[in-house]
PDB file of N, CA and C in Angstrom:
ATOM      1  N   MET A   1     -21.746  -3.029  26.354  1.00  0.00           N
ATOM      2  CA  MET A   1     -22.258  -1.715  26.009  1.00  0.00           C
ATOM      3  C   MET A   1     -21.318  -0.644  26.541  1.00  0.00           C
ATOM      4  N   LEU A   2     -21.009   0.345  25.726  1.00  0.00           N
ATOM      5  CA  LEU A   2     -20.140   1.438  26.142  1.00  0.00           C
ATOM      6  C   LEU A   2     -20.976   2.554  26.761  1.00  0.00           C
ATOM      7  N   ARG A   3     -20.553   3.006  27.941  1.00  0.00           N
ATOM      8  CA  ARG A   3     -21.232   4.122  28.595  1.00  0.00           C
ATOM      9  C   ARG A   3     -20.185   5.152  29.004  1.00  0.00           C
ATOM     10  N   PRO A   4     -19.946   6.174  28.183  1.00  0.00           N
ATOM     11  CA  PRO A   4     -18.940   7.168  28.557  1.00  0.00           C
ATOM     12  C   PRO A   4     -19.448   8.094  29.651  1.00  0.00           C
ATOM     13  N   LEU A   5     -18.622   8.355  30.633  1.00  0.00           N
ATOM     14  CA  LEU A   5     -18.908   9.312  31.691  1.00  0.00           C
ATOM     15  C   LEU A   5     -17.801  10.352  31.662  1.00  0.00           C
ATOM     16  N   LYS A   6     -18.135  11.572  31.309  1.00  0.00           N
ATOM     17  CA  LYS A   6     -17.108  12.594  31.172  1.00  0.00           C
ATOM     18  C   LYS A   6     -16.878  13.297  32.506  1.00  0.00           C
ATOM     19  N   GLY A   7     -15.632  13.687  32.734  1.00  0.00           N
ATOM     20  CA  GLY A   7     -15.294  14.391  33.959  1.00  0.00           C
ATOM     21  C   GLY A   7     -13.835  14.771  33.984  1.00  0.00           C
ATOM     22  N   ARG A   8     -13.347  15.170  35.146  1.00  0.00           N
ATOM     23  CA  ARG A   8     -11.948  15.558  35.298  1.00  0.00           C
ATOM     24  C   ARG A   8     -11.205  14.433  36.004  1.00  0.00           C
ATOM     25  N   TRP A   9      -9.958  14.225  35.591  1.00  0.00           N
ATOM     26  CA  TRP A   9      -9.142  13.163  36.160  1.00  0.00           C
ATOM     27  C   TRP A   9      -7.686  13.548  36.074  1.00  0.00           C
ATOM     28  N   LYS A  10      -7.020  13.660  37.195  1.00  0.00           N
ATOM     29  CA  LYS A  10      -5.594  13.969  37.271  1.00  0.00           C
ATOM     30  C   LYS A  10      -5.182  15.132  36.365  1.00  0.00           C
ATOM     31  N   GLY A  11      -5.943  16.214  36.411  1.00  0.00           N
ATOM     32  CA  GLY A  11      -5.562  17.398  35.669  1.00  0.00           C
ATOM     33  C   GLY A  11      -5.942  17.417  34.203  1.00  0.00           C
ATOM     34  N   PHE A  12      -6.470  16.336  33.685  1.00  0.00           N
ATOM     35  CA  PHE A  12      -6.882  16.327  32.283  1.00  0.00           C
ATOM     36  C   PHE A  12      -8.257  16.980  32.174  1.00  0.00           C
ATOM     37  N   ASP A  13      -8.420  17.819  31.176  1.00  0.00           N
ATOM     38  CA  ASP A  13      -9.692  18.505  30.992  1.00  0.00           C
ATOM     39  C   ASP A  13     -10.761  17.604  30.393  1.00  0.00           C
ATOM     40  N   LYS A  14     -10.350  16.662  29.574  1.00  0.00           N
ATOM     41  CA  LYS A  14     -11.326  15.857  28.838  1.00  0.00           C
ATOM     42  C   LYS A  14     -10.991  14.383  29.014  1.00  0.00           C
ATOM     43  N   VAL A  15     -11.728  13.729  29.886  1.00  0.00           N
ATOM     44  CA  VAL A  15     -11.493  12.314  30.139  1.00  0.00           C
ATOM     45  C   VAL A  15     -12.817  11.586  30.053  1.00  0.00           C
ATOM     46  N   SER A  16     -12.823  10.439  29.418  1.00  0.00           N
ATOM     47  CA  SER A  16     -14.010   9.602  29.368  1.00  0.00           C
ATOM     48  C   SER A  16     -13.729   8.322  30.139  1.00  0.00           C
ATOM     49  N   ILE A  17     -14.695   7.929  30.955  1.00  0.00           N
ATOM     50  CA  ILE A  17     -14.615   6.640  31.634  1.00  0.00           C
ATOM     51  C   ILE A  17     -15.565   5.728  30.869  1.00  0.00           C
ATOM     52  N   VAL A  18     -15.026   4.662  30.320  1.00  0.00           N
ATOM     53  CA  VAL A  18     -15.815   3.765  29.475  1.00  0.00           C
ATOM     54  C   VAL A  18     -15.880   2.403  30.136  1.00  0.00           C
ATOM     55  N   TYR A  19     -17.091   1.861  30.227  1.00  0.00           N
ATOM     56  CA  TYR A  19     -17.279   0.513  30.744  1.00  0.00           C
ATOM     57  C   TYR A  19     -17.518  -0.407  29.554  1.00  0.00           C
ATOM     58  N   GLN A  20     -16.634  -1.379  29.396  1.00  0.00           N
ATOM     59  CA  GLN A  20     -16.770  -2.328  28.299  1.00  0.00           C
ATOM     60  C   GLN A  20     -16.571  -3.724  28.863  1.00  0.00           C
ATOM     61  N   LYS A  21     -17.570  -4.551  28.669  1.00  0.00           N
ATOM     62  CA  LYS A  21     -17.552  -5.926  29.175  1.00  0.00           C
ATOM     63  C   LYS A  21     -17.250  -5.965  30.673  1.00  0.00           C
ATOM     64  N   GLY A  22     -17.883  -5.055  31.413  1.00  0.00           N
ATOM     65  CA  GLY A  22     -17.722  -5.029  32.866  1.00  0.00           C
ATOM     66  C   GLY A  22     -16.407  -4.450  33.354  1.00  0.00           C
ATOM     67  N   LYS A  23     -15.564  -3.979  32.446  1.00  0.00           N
ATOM     68  CA  LYS A  23     -14.266  -3.416  32.793  1.00  0.00           C
ATOM     69  C   LYS A  23     -14.279  -1.913  32.601  1.00  0.00           C
ATOM     70  N   MET A  24     -13.721  -1.193  33.569  1.00  0.00           N
ATOM     71  CA  MET A  24     -13.654   0.251  33.447  1.00  0.00           C
ATOM     72  C   MET A  24     -12.337   0.660  32.791  1.00  0.00           C
ATOM     73  N   GLN A  25     -12.419   1.543  31.819  1.00  0.00           N
ATOM     74  CA  GLN A  25     -11.232   2.078  31.164  1.00  0.00           C
ATOM     75  C   GLN A  25     -11.318   3.594  31.177  1.00  0.00           C
ATOM     76  N   VAL A  26     -10.214   4.243  31.486  1.00  0.00           N
ATOM     77  CA  VAL A  26     -10.154   5.699  31.451  1.00  0.00           C
ATOM     78  C   VAL A  26      -9.392   6.088  30.196  1.00  0.00           C
ATOM     79  N   MET A  27     -10.026   6.902  29.379  1.00  0.00           N
ATOM     80  CA  MET A  27      -9.423   7.282  28.105  1.00  0.00           C
ATOM     81  C   MET A  27      -9.342   8.802  28.028  1.00  0.00           C
ATOM     82  N   TYR A  28      -8.167   9.318  27.694  1.00  0.00           N
ATOM     83  CA  TYR A  28      -7.969  10.753  27.500  1.00  0.00           C
ATOM     84  C   TYR A  28      -8.452  11.126  26.113  1.00  0.00           C
ATOM     85  N   SER A  29      -9.262  12.159  26.015  1.00  0.00           N
ATOM     86  CA  SER A  29      -9.789  12.628  24.734  1.00  0.00           C
ATOM     87  C   SER A  29      -9.340  14.068  24.506  1.00  0.00           C
ATOM     88  N   PRO A  30      -8.261  14.244  23.745  1.00  0.00           N
ATOM     89  CA  PRO A  30      -7.776  15.610  23.523  1.00  0.00           C
ATOM     90  C   PRO A  30      -8.767  16.431  22.711  1.00  0.00           C
ATOM     91  N   LYS A  31      -8.798  17.723  22.977  1.00  0.00           N
ATOM     92  CA  LYS A  31      -9.707  18.626  22.275  1.00  0.00           C
ATOM     93  C   LYS A  31      -8.991  19.219  21.062  1.00  0.00           C
ATOM     94  N   ILE A  32      -9.686  19.245  19.946  1.00  0.00           N
ATOM     95  CA  ILE A  32      -9.161  19.883  18.746  1.00  0.00           C
ATOM     96  C   ILE A  32      -9.354  21.383  18.911  1.00  0.00           C
ATOM     97  N   GLU A  33      -8.319  22.154  18.621  1.00  0.00           N
ATOM     98  CA  GLU A  33      -8.412  23.605  18.756  1.00  0.00           C
ATOM     99  C   GLU A  33      -9.504  24.149  17.834  1.00  0.00           C
ATOM    100  N   GLU A  34     -10.261  25.106  18.341  1.00  0.00           N
ATOM    101  CA  GLU A  34     -11.423  25.657  17.634  1.00  0.00           C
ATOM    102  C   GLU A  34     -11.074  26.200  16.250  1.00  0.00           C
ATOM    103  N   GLU A  35      -9.888  26.779  16.093  1.00  0.00           N
ATOM    104  CA  GLU A  35      -9.527  27.374  14.807  1.00  0.00           C
ATOM    105  C   GLU A  35      -9.435  26.338  13.687  1.00  0.00           C
ATOM    106  N   PHE A  36      -9.222  25.060  14.041  1.00  0.00           N
ATOM    107  CA  PHE A  36      -9.085  24.010  13.033  1.00  0.00           C
ATOM    108  C   PHE A  36     -10.428  23.429  12.588  1.00  0.00           C
ATOM    109  N   ILE A  37     -11.461  23.595  13.380  1.00  0.00           N
ATOM    110  CA  ILE A  37     -12.755  22.963  13.104  1.00  0.00           C
ATOM    111  C   ILE A  37     -13.328  23.368  11.742  1.00  0.00           C
ATOM    112  N   PRO A  38     -13.419  24.667  11.402  1.00  0.00           N
ATOM    113  CA  PRO A  38     -13.984  25.011  10.089  1.00  0.00           C
ATOM    114  C   PRO A  38     -13.137  24.500   8.921  1.00  0.00           C
ATOM    115  N   ILE A  39     -11.828  24.481   9.109  1.00  0.00           N
ATOM    116  CA  ILE A  39     -10.943  23.979   8.048  1.00  0.00           C
ATOM    117  C   ILE A  39     -11.160  22.487   7.854  1.00  0.00           C
ATOM    118  N   LEU A  40     -11.188  21.749   8.947  1.00  0.00           N
ATOM    119  CA  LEU A  40     -11.416  20.303   8.872  1.00  0.00           C
ATOM    120  C   LEU A  40     -12.787  20.002   8.269  1.00  0.00           C
ATOM    121  N   TYR A  41     -13.781  20.779   8.666  1.00  0.00           N
ATOM    122  CA  TYR A  41     -15.132  20.585   8.137  1.00  0.00           C
ATOM    123  C   TYR A  41     -15.141  20.742   6.613  1.00  0.00           C
ATOM    124  N   LYS A  42     -14.525  21.820   6.122  1.00  0.00           N
ATOM    125  CA  LYS A  42     -14.507  22.075   4.677  1.00  0.00           C
ATOM    126  C   LYS A  42     -13.730  20.998   3.923  1.00  0.00           C
ATOM    127  N   LEU A  43     -12.591  20.575   4.473  1.00  0.00           N
ATOM    128  CA  LEU A  43     -11.800  19.523   3.832  1.00  0.00           C
ATOM    129  C   LEU A  43     -12.580  18.211   3.767  1.00  0.00           C
ATOM    130  N   ALA A  44     -13.224  17.857   4.874  1.00  0.00           N
ATOM    131  CA  ALA A  44     -13.992  16.609   4.921  1.00  0.00           C
ATOM    132  C   ALA A  44     -15.173  16.668   3.964  1.00  0.00           C
ATOM    133  N   LYS A  45     -15.869  17.795   3.960  1.00  0.00           N
ATOM    134  CA  LYS A  45     -17.026  17.939   3.077  1.00  0.00           C
ATOM    135  C   LYS A  45     -16.604  17.841   1.611  1.00  0.00           C
ATOM    136  N   ALA A  46     -15.476  18.463   1.255  1.00  0.00           N
ATOM    137  CA  ALA A  46     -14.985  18.414  -0.129  1.00  0.00           C
ATOM    138  C   ALA A  46     -14.648  16.989  -0.554  1.00  0.00           C
ATOM    139  N   ARG A  47     -14.204  16.163   0.398  1.00  0.00           N
ATOM    140  CA  ARG A  47     -13.862  14.770   0.082  1.00  0.00           C
ATOM    141  C   ARG A  47     -15.034  13.818   0.258  1.00  0.00           C
ATOM    142  N   GLY A  48     -16.127  14.312   0.826  1.00  0.00           N
ATOM    143  CA  GLY A  48     -17.307  13.475   1.030  1.00  0.00           C
ATOM    144  C   GLY A  48     -17.140  12.454   2.140  1.00  0.00           C
ATOM    145  N   ILE A  49     -16.334  12.798   3.159  1.00  0.00           N
ATOM    146  CA  ILE A  49     -16.124  11.894   4.299  1.00  0.00           C
ATOM    147  C   ILE A  49     -16.406  12.652   5.595  1.00  0.00           C
ATOM    148  N   SER A  50     -16.516  11.927   6.684  1.00  0.00           N
ATOM    149  CA  SER A  50     -16.761  12.564   7.978  1.00  0.00           C
ATOM    150  C   SER A  50     -15.483  13.226   8.491  1.00  0.00           C
ATOM    151  N   MET A  51     -15.659  14.195   9.379  1.00  0.00           N
ATOM    152  CA  MET A  51     -14.500  14.846   9.990  1.00  0.00           C
ATOM    153  C   MET A  51     -13.677  13.842  10.787  1.00  0.00           C
ATOM    154  N   VAL A  52     -14.335  12.904  11.440  1.00  0.00           N
ATOM    155  CA  VAL A  52     -13.619  11.891  12.232  1.00  0.00           C
ATOM    156  C   VAL A  52     -12.704  11.073  11.330  1.00  0.00           C
ATOM    157  N   LYS A  53     -13.238  10.638  10.187  1.00  0.00           N
ATOM    158  CA  LYS A  53     -12.430   9.850   9.249  1.00  0.00           C
ATOM    159  C   LYS A  53     -11.254  10.679   8.736  1.00  0.00           C
ATOM    160  N   LEU A  54     -11.501  11.937   8.402  1.00  0.00           N
ATOM    161  CA  LEU A  54     -10.444  12.819   7.914  1.00  0.00           C
ATOM    162  C   LEU A  54      -9.342  12.985   8.962  1.00  0.00           C
ATOM    163  N   VAL A  55      -9.742  13.291  10.191  1.00  0.00           N
ATOM    164  CA  VAL A  55      -8.755  13.506  11.266  1.00  0.00           C
ATOM    165  C   VAL A  55      -7.978  12.225  11.540  1.00  0.00           C
ATOM    166  N   ASN A  56      -8.654  11.085  11.551  1.00  0.00           N
ATOM    167  CA  ASN A  56      -7.948   9.811  11.757  1.00  0.00           C
ATOM    168  C   ASN A  56      -6.925   9.556  10.657  1.00  0.00           C
ATOM    169  N   GLU A  57      -7.297   9.853   9.403  1.00  0.00           N
ATOM    170  CA  GLU A  57      -6.345   9.692   8.292  1.00  0.00           C
ATOM    171  C   GLU A  57      -5.140  10.610   8.461  1.00  0.00           C
ATOM    172  N   MET A  58      -5.403  11.855   8.856  1.00  0.00           N
ATOM    173  CA  MET A  58      -4.315  12.819   9.035  1.00  0.00           C
ATOM    174  C   MET A  58      -3.374  12.388  10.165  1.00  0.00           C
ATOM    175  N   ILE A  59      -3.946  11.926  11.250  1.00  0.00           N
ATOM    176  CA  ILE A  59      -3.137  11.465  12.380  1.00  0.00           C
ATOM    177  C   ILE A  59      -2.313  10.245  11.977  1.00  0.00           C
ATOM    178  N   ARG A  60      -2.954   9.292  11.288  1.00  0.00           N
ATOM    179  CA  ARG A  60      -2.257   8.077  10.840  1.00  0.00           C
ATOM    180  C   ARG A  60      -1.062   8.432   9.951  1.00  0.00           C
ATOM    181  N   LYS A  61      -1.291   9.322   8.978  1.00  0.00           N
ATOM    182  CA  LYS A  61      -0.207   9.734   8.072  1.00  0.00           C
ATOM    183  C   LYS A  61       0.902  10.453   8.833  1.00  0.00           C
ATOM    184  N   GLY A  62       0.537  11.287   9.796  1.00  0.00           N
ATOM    185  CA  GLY A  62       1.535  11.992  10.593  1.00  0.00           C
ATOM    186  C   GLY A  62       2.382  11.048  11.424  1.00  0.00           C
ATOM    187  N   ILE A  63       1.744  10.054  12.036  1.00  0.00           N
ATOM    188  CA  ILE A  63       2.470   9.062  12.841  1.00  0.00           C
ATOM    189  C   ILE A  63       3.390   8.239  11.950  1.00  0.00           C
ATOM    190  N   GLU A  64       2.875   7.789  10.805  1.00  0.00           N
ATOM    191  CA  GLU A  64       3.704   7.001   9.881  1.00  0.00           C
ATOM    192  C   GLU A  64       4.907   7.806   9.406  1.00  0.00           C
ATOM    193  N   SER A  65       4.701   9.071   9.101  1.00  0.00           N
ATOM    194  CA  SER A  65       5.784   9.942   8.653  1.00  0.00           C
ATOM    195  C   SER A  65       6.836  10.107   9.751  1.00  0.00           C
ATOM    196  N   GLN A  66       6.381  10.289  10.979  1.00  0.00           N
ATOM    197  CA  GLN A  66       7.308  10.434  12.110  1.00  0.00           C
ATOM    198  C   GLN A  66       8.102   9.144  12.333  1.00  0.00           C
ATOM    199  N   MET A  67       7.434   8.001  12.180  1.00  0.00           N
ATOM    200  CA  MET A  67       8.119   6.725  12.362  1.00  0.00           C
ATOM    201  C   MET A  67       9.199   6.540  11.302  1.00  0.00           C
ATOM    202  N   VAL A  68       8.900   6.926  10.057  1.00  0.00           N
ATOM    203  CA  VAL A  68       9.884   6.826   8.974  1.00  0.00           C
ATOM    204  C   VAL A  68      11.082   7.721   9.289  1.00  0.00           C
ATOM    205  N   ARG A  69      10.813   8.959   9.720  1.00  0.00           N
ATOM    206  CA  ARG A  69      11.904   9.876  10.068  1.00  0.00           C
ATOM    207  C   ARG A  69      12.759   9.321  11.198  1.00  0.00           C
ATOM    208  N   ASN A  70      12.103   8.720  12.194  1.00  0.00           N
ATOM    209  CA  ASN A  70      12.849   8.136  13.319  1.00  0.00           C
ATOM    210  C   ASN A  70      13.725   6.975  12.849  1.00  0.00           C
ATOM    211  N   GLN A  71      13.194   6.149  11.949  1.00  0.00           N
ATOM    212  CA  GLN A  71      13.971   5.016  11.431  1.00  0.00           C
ATOM    213  C   GLN A  71      15.155   5.504  10.611  1.00  0.00           C
ATOM    214  N   GLU A  72      14.945   6.572   9.826  1.00  0.00           N
ATOM    215  CA  GLU A  72      16.038   7.125   9.027  1.00  0.00           C
ATOM    216  C   GLU A  72      17.160   7.670   9.916  1.00  0.00           C
ATOM    217  N   LYS A  73      16.792   8.185  11.088  1.00  0.00           N
ATOM    218  CA  LYS A  73      17.779   8.708  12.027  1.00  0.00           C
ATOM    219  C   LYS A  73      18.389   7.603  12.879  1.00  0.00           C
ATOM    220  N   GLY A  74      17.859   6.378  12.738  1.00  0.00           N
ATOM    221  CA  GLY A  74      18.352   5.261  13.537  1.00  0.00           C
ATOM    222  C   GLY A  74      17.835   5.289  14.958  1.00  0.00           C
ATOM    223  N   ASN A  75      16.736   5.978  15.154  1.00  0.00           N
ATOM    224  CA  ASN A  75      16.141   6.097  16.477  1.00  0.00           C
ATOM    225  C   ASN A  75      15.368   4.827  16.808  1.00  0.00           C
ATOM    226  N   GLU A  76      15.608   4.268  17.974  1.00  0.00           N
ATOM    227  CA  GLU A  76      14.948   3.010  18.371  1.00  0.00           C
ATOM    228  C   GLU A  76      13.509   3.222  18.798  1.00  0.00           C
ATOM    229  N   SER A  77      13.086   4.443  19.044  1.00  0.00           N
ATOM    230  CA  SER A  77      11.720   4.689  19.527  1.00  0.00           C
ATOM    231  C   SER A  77      10.759   4.904  18.375  1.00  0.00           C
ATOM    232  N   SER A  78      10.925   4.183  17.288  1.00  0.00           N
ATOM    233  CA  SER A  78      10.071   4.366  16.125  1.00  0.00           C
ATOM    234  C   SER A  78       8.829   3.487  16.140  1.00  0.00           C
ATOM    235  N   SER A  79       8.676   2.632  17.138  1.00  0.00           N
ATOM    236  CA  SER A  79       7.485   1.791  17.178  1.00  0.00           C
ATOM    237  C   SER A  79       6.361   2.519  17.901  1.00  0.00           C
ATOM    238  N   MET A  80       5.130   2.057  17.668  1.00  0.00           N
ATOM    239  CA  MET A  80       3.965   2.660  18.278  1.00  0.00           C
ATOM    240  C   MET A  80       3.560   1.900  19.537  1.00  0.00           C
ATOM    241  N   ASP A  81       4.446   1.709  20.482  1.00  0.00           N
ATOM    242  CA  ASP A  81       4.152   0.959  21.712  1.00  0.00           C
ATOM    243  C   ASP A  81       3.222   1.732  22.595  1.00  0.00           C
TER     244      ASP A  81
END
């Protein structure tokens, strides 16, 4: 069972401590800037999907695009390690 506990950790404003299978994990949760929320809401609503799904798709496409650009430049740091 996941039990998030929100708090401050090493200067991060938004950190969740998640217990999964008896193991504690600290996960950083970045905040989306307020000015983007209404835009994301309208885009997601127009497509009939959740904002989370929309943002995940946008992030995935952005990462893939960056990886392609890095590979084209011959940059070795193109993997998602």
